[in-house]
């Protein structure tokens, strides 16, 4: 395994970190349907008490030309520069239970070295368990709870929560590699894949973040404040449902997704919830087209509020 020395800096400002904490992880850069990981990470950092324990070296890990940092331009000069961050935080949940959060960009380079660094931190802090989340688009209806596929070595969570257990190949993420290495070591590891409605994949779907938080809670016992996200989620769903009321074709398409979802959940647990009996996937194109105006209007409204 690669030498992780120099890949991150430990903070000298944080003392007395308890051993045996849960580690929660979510990295952005590949699939983040519904903005689930982005919302989860931002919500936790903005809402909970936190301190940076370790900061990773972006110059070694990030392709700046693919994901360019943000600068602020004020009339005739540059006033701010915001580099991408990948940090390990010491957090406290709503009940003041401490835990660790690894969040930020997914590394573009040196995955083996990054994995070695994360395993080194896990060993350094004697981490009790590791739980990570990501989200992918699937042809499922927004009118049903967001399902999850669970990986790792915690059989009780897989048996209780994983609604879809495929045999497949998929593009890996850096956290997949970390899970694989931790599984080899016998460290308790859980990966949650959220199955987000594919026609909502390109927007921030608040209920995806709620499901991510609920999944982490189930794996760790940590308690998170979700009232604001749930309220935003109810408003989001109400606006989509108003589109269904005024468009029978759209309602029919969503109804087809509902029938296939319910058939899988109730009648045939061996068949994928994403296909009909012939194995065909429903198309997202018409649903996406109908919702495009709604999502654009919502984004414009958010922009006006922020001005």
Foldseek 3Di string as FASTA:
>chain_A
DDALPPFKDFDPPDPDQAAAAEEEEEADDDAAFLVQRVCLVVCQVVPWDKDFGMWGDCVQFDDCVVPPWDWDDDPDDTDDTGDWTWTWMWTAAPVGDTHIYTYTHFGPDDLVSVLVVVVVVCVVRVYQEYEYEHEHEAQAFPVDQWAKAKDADPVVCNVVGHLDDDDDDDDDTSVVVSRVVCRVVVHHYMYIYTHHHNLRGPHNQLSSNVVVVVSVCVVRVGDHDRVVSVVVNVVVVVLVVVLCVVDVVLVVSSVVSVVLQVCCVPPNSVDDSQADPVRDGDDCVVVNVSCVVVRVVVVVVVVVVVD
